[in-house]
C-alpha atoms as a PDB file:
ATOM      1  CA  MET A   1      81.943 116.436  89.634  1.00  0.00           C
ATOM      2  CA  LYS A   2      85.354 117.877  88.774  1.00  0.00           C
ATOM      3  CA  LYS A   3      83.683 120.987  87.368  1.00  0.00           C
ATOM      4  CA  SER A   4      81.770 121.494  90.619  1.00  0.00           C
ATOM      5  CA  ILE A   5      84.901 121.418  92.763  1.00  0.00           C
ATOM      6  CA  GLY A   6      87.408 122.914  90.395  1.00  0.00           C
ATOM      7  CA  PRO A   7      91.068 122.347  89.593  1.00  0.00           C
ATOM      8  CA  GLU A   8      91.924 121.341  93.176  1.00  0.00           C
ATOM      9  CA  LEU A   9      90.366 117.896  92.646  1.00  0.00           C
ATOM     10  CA  TRP A  10      93.057 115.404  91.635  1.00  0.00           C
ATOM     11  CA  ASN A  11      91.183 112.097  91.417  1.00  0.00           C
ATOM     12  CA  ILE A  12      87.957 110.279  92.238  1.00  0.00           C
ATOM     13  CA  GLN A  13      88.218 106.688  93.423  1.00  0.00           C
ATOM     14  CA  HIS A  14      85.344 104.319  94.027  1.00  0.00           C
ATOM     15  CA  ALA A  15      86.169 100.935  95.468  1.00  0.00           C
ATOM     16  CA  PHE A  16      84.808  98.564  98.096  1.00  0.00           C
ATOM     17  CA  GLY A  17      81.577 100.498  98.514  1.00  0.00           C
ATOM     18  CA  GLN A  18      83.171 103.857  99.160  1.00  0.00           C
ATOM     19  CA  VAL A  19      83.864 106.984  97.143  1.00  0.00           C
ATOM     20  CA  VAL A  20      86.981 109.015  97.869  1.00  0.00           C
ATOM     21  CA  LEU A  21      87.597 112.425  96.351  1.00  0.00           C
ATOM     22  CA  PHE A  22      91.282 113.277  96.316  1.00  0.00           C
ATOM     23  CA  PHE A  23      92.548 116.825  96.441  1.00  0.00           C
ATOM     24  CA  TYR A  24      96.178 117.681  95.875  1.00  0.00           C
ATOM     25  CA  THR A  25      97.013 118.829  99.423  1.00  0.00           C
ATOM     26  CA  ASP A  26      95.848 118.276 102.988  1.00  0.00           C
ATOM     27  CA  LYS A  27      95.222 122.013 103.209  1.00  0.00           C
ATOM     28  CA  GLN A  28      92.725 121.794 100.335  1.00  0.00           C
ATOM     29  CA  VAL A  29      90.948 118.890 102.068  1.00  0.00           C
ATOM     30  CA  LYS A  30      90.544 120.965 105.241  1.00  0.00           C
ATOM     31  CA  LYS A  31      89.291 123.956 103.248  1.00  0.00           C
ATOM     32  CA  HIS A  32      86.630 121.950 101.408  1.00  0.00           C
ATOM     33  CA  LYS A  33      85.531 120.093 104.550  1.00  0.00           C
ATOM     34  CA  ALA A  34      85.165 123.398 106.407  1.00  0.00           C
ATOM     35  CA  ALA A  35      83.016 124.703 103.541  1.00  0.00           C
ATOM     36  CA  GLY A  36      80.660 121.708 103.905  1.00  0.00           C
ATOM     37  CA  LYS A  37      81.484 120.314 100.490  1.00  0.00           C
ATOM     38  CA  GLU A  38      81.403 116.653 101.579  1.00  0.00           C
ATOM     39  CA  LYS A  39      77.602 116.705 101.729  1.00  0.00           C
ATOM     40  CA  ILE A  40      77.341 118.681  98.484  1.00  0.00           C
ATOM     41  CA  CYS A  41      79.636 116.226  96.689  1.00  0.00           C
ATOM     42  CA  ALA A  42      77.751 113.250  98.129  1.00  0.00           C
ATOM     43  CA  ASP A  43      74.488 114.716  96.837  1.00  0.00           C
ATOM     44  CA  LEU A  44      75.956 115.274  93.375  1.00  0.00           C
ATOM     45  CA  TYR A  45      77.540 111.824  93.175  1.00  0.00           C
ATOM     46  CA  PHE A  46      74.386 110.135  94.478  1.00  0.00           C
ATOM     47  CA  ASP A  47      72.303 111.910  91.820  1.00  0.00           C
ATOM     48  CA  VAL A  48      74.617 110.518  89.142  1.00  0.00           C
ATOM     49  CA  LEU A  49      74.465 106.950  90.485  1.00  0.00           C
ATOM     50  CA  LYS A  50      70.792 106.681  91.446  1.00  0.00           C
ATOM     51  CA  PRO A  51      69.382 106.273  87.908  1.00  0.00           C
ATOM     52  CA  TYR A  52      71.510 103.119  87.585  1.00  0.00           C
ATOM     53  CA  ASP A  53      70.377 101.681  90.945  1.00  0.00           C
ATOM     54  CA  GLU A  54      67.973  99.218  89.378  1.00  0.00           C
ATOM     55  CA  PHE A  55      67.229  97.321  92.600  1.00  0.00           C
ATOM     56  CA  GLY A  56      67.095 100.269  95.004  1.00  0.00           C
ATOM     57  CA  TYR A  57      70.209  99.429  97.008  1.00  0.00           C
ATOM     58  CA  LEU A  58      71.443 103.001  97.314  1.00  0.00           C
ATOM     59  CA  LYS A  59      69.970 105.125 100.069  1.00  0.00           C
ATOM     60  CA  ARG A  60      70.877 108.791 100.298  1.00  0.00           C
ATOM     61  CA  ASN A  61      71.026 108.800 104.096  1.00  0.00           C
ATOM     62  CA  LYS A  62      73.678 106.053 104.014  1.00  0.00           C
ATOM     63  CA  PHE A  63      75.662 107.312 101.034  1.00  0.00           C
ATOM     64  CA  ARG A  64      78.779 109.373 101.751  1.00  0.00           C
ATOM     65  CA  VAL A  65      81.909 110.506 100.053  1.00  0.00           C
ATOM     66  CA  ARG A  66      85.207 110.891 101.810  1.00  0.00           C
ATOM     67  CA  PHE A  67      87.891 113.481 101.156  1.00  0.00           C
ATOM     68  CA  ASP A  68      91.600 112.678 101.083  1.00  0.00           C
ATOM     69  CA  SER A  69      94.678 114.136  99.455  1.00  0.00           C
ATOM     70  CA  LYS A  70      97.349 113.172  96.976  1.00  0.00           C
ATOM     71  CA  GLU A  71      99.787 114.452  99.574  1.00  0.00           C
ATOM     72  CA  ASN A  72      98.584 111.810 102.054  1.00  0.00           C
ATOM     73  CA  PHE A  73      98.471 109.144  99.339  1.00  0.00           C
ATOM     74  CA  ASP A  74     102.062 109.831  98.262  1.00  0.00           C
ATOM     75  CA  ASN A  75     103.554 110.330 101.730  1.00  0.00           C
ATOM     76  CA  ASN A  76     101.841 107.526 103.634  1.00  0.00           C
ATOM     77  CA  TYR A  77     101.073 104.929 100.949  1.00  0.00           C
ATOM     78  CA  GLN A  78     104.010 105.433  98.574  1.00  0.00           C
ATOM     79  CA  GLY A  79     101.526 106.428  95.857  1.00  0.00           C
ATOM     80  CA  ASN A  80     100.315 102.821  95.674  1.00  0.00           C
ATOM     81  CA  TRP A  81      96.587 101.927  95.535  1.00  0.00           C
ATOM     82  CA  TYR A  82      97.234  98.468  96.952  1.00  0.00           C
ATOM     83  CA  TYR A  83      98.712  99.955 100.127  1.00  0.00           C
ATOM     84  CA  TYR A  84      95.989 102.577 100.310  1.00  0.00           C
ATOM     85  CA  TYR A  85      93.115 100.082 100.279  1.00  0.00           C
ATOM     86  CA  LYS A  86      94.847  97.383 102.302  1.00  0.00           C
END
């Protein structure tokens, strides 16, 4: 996944049934959203997970990834995962 997006991807978090791809800045998030990369990343991530979906719970039409930034994480959540997911 990181190779597909490049060095602008800071982190990938998966928790509570969601996948969040973190870029370094809000500007990078806007750029990648405008380029339609959310769907591309969801397709790639889904293809990685699907072979392990033994009971068929994952459905592509309901699977999404969300984009966020380290800038938002640091400025609004004090860089703390507890605050982010609360």
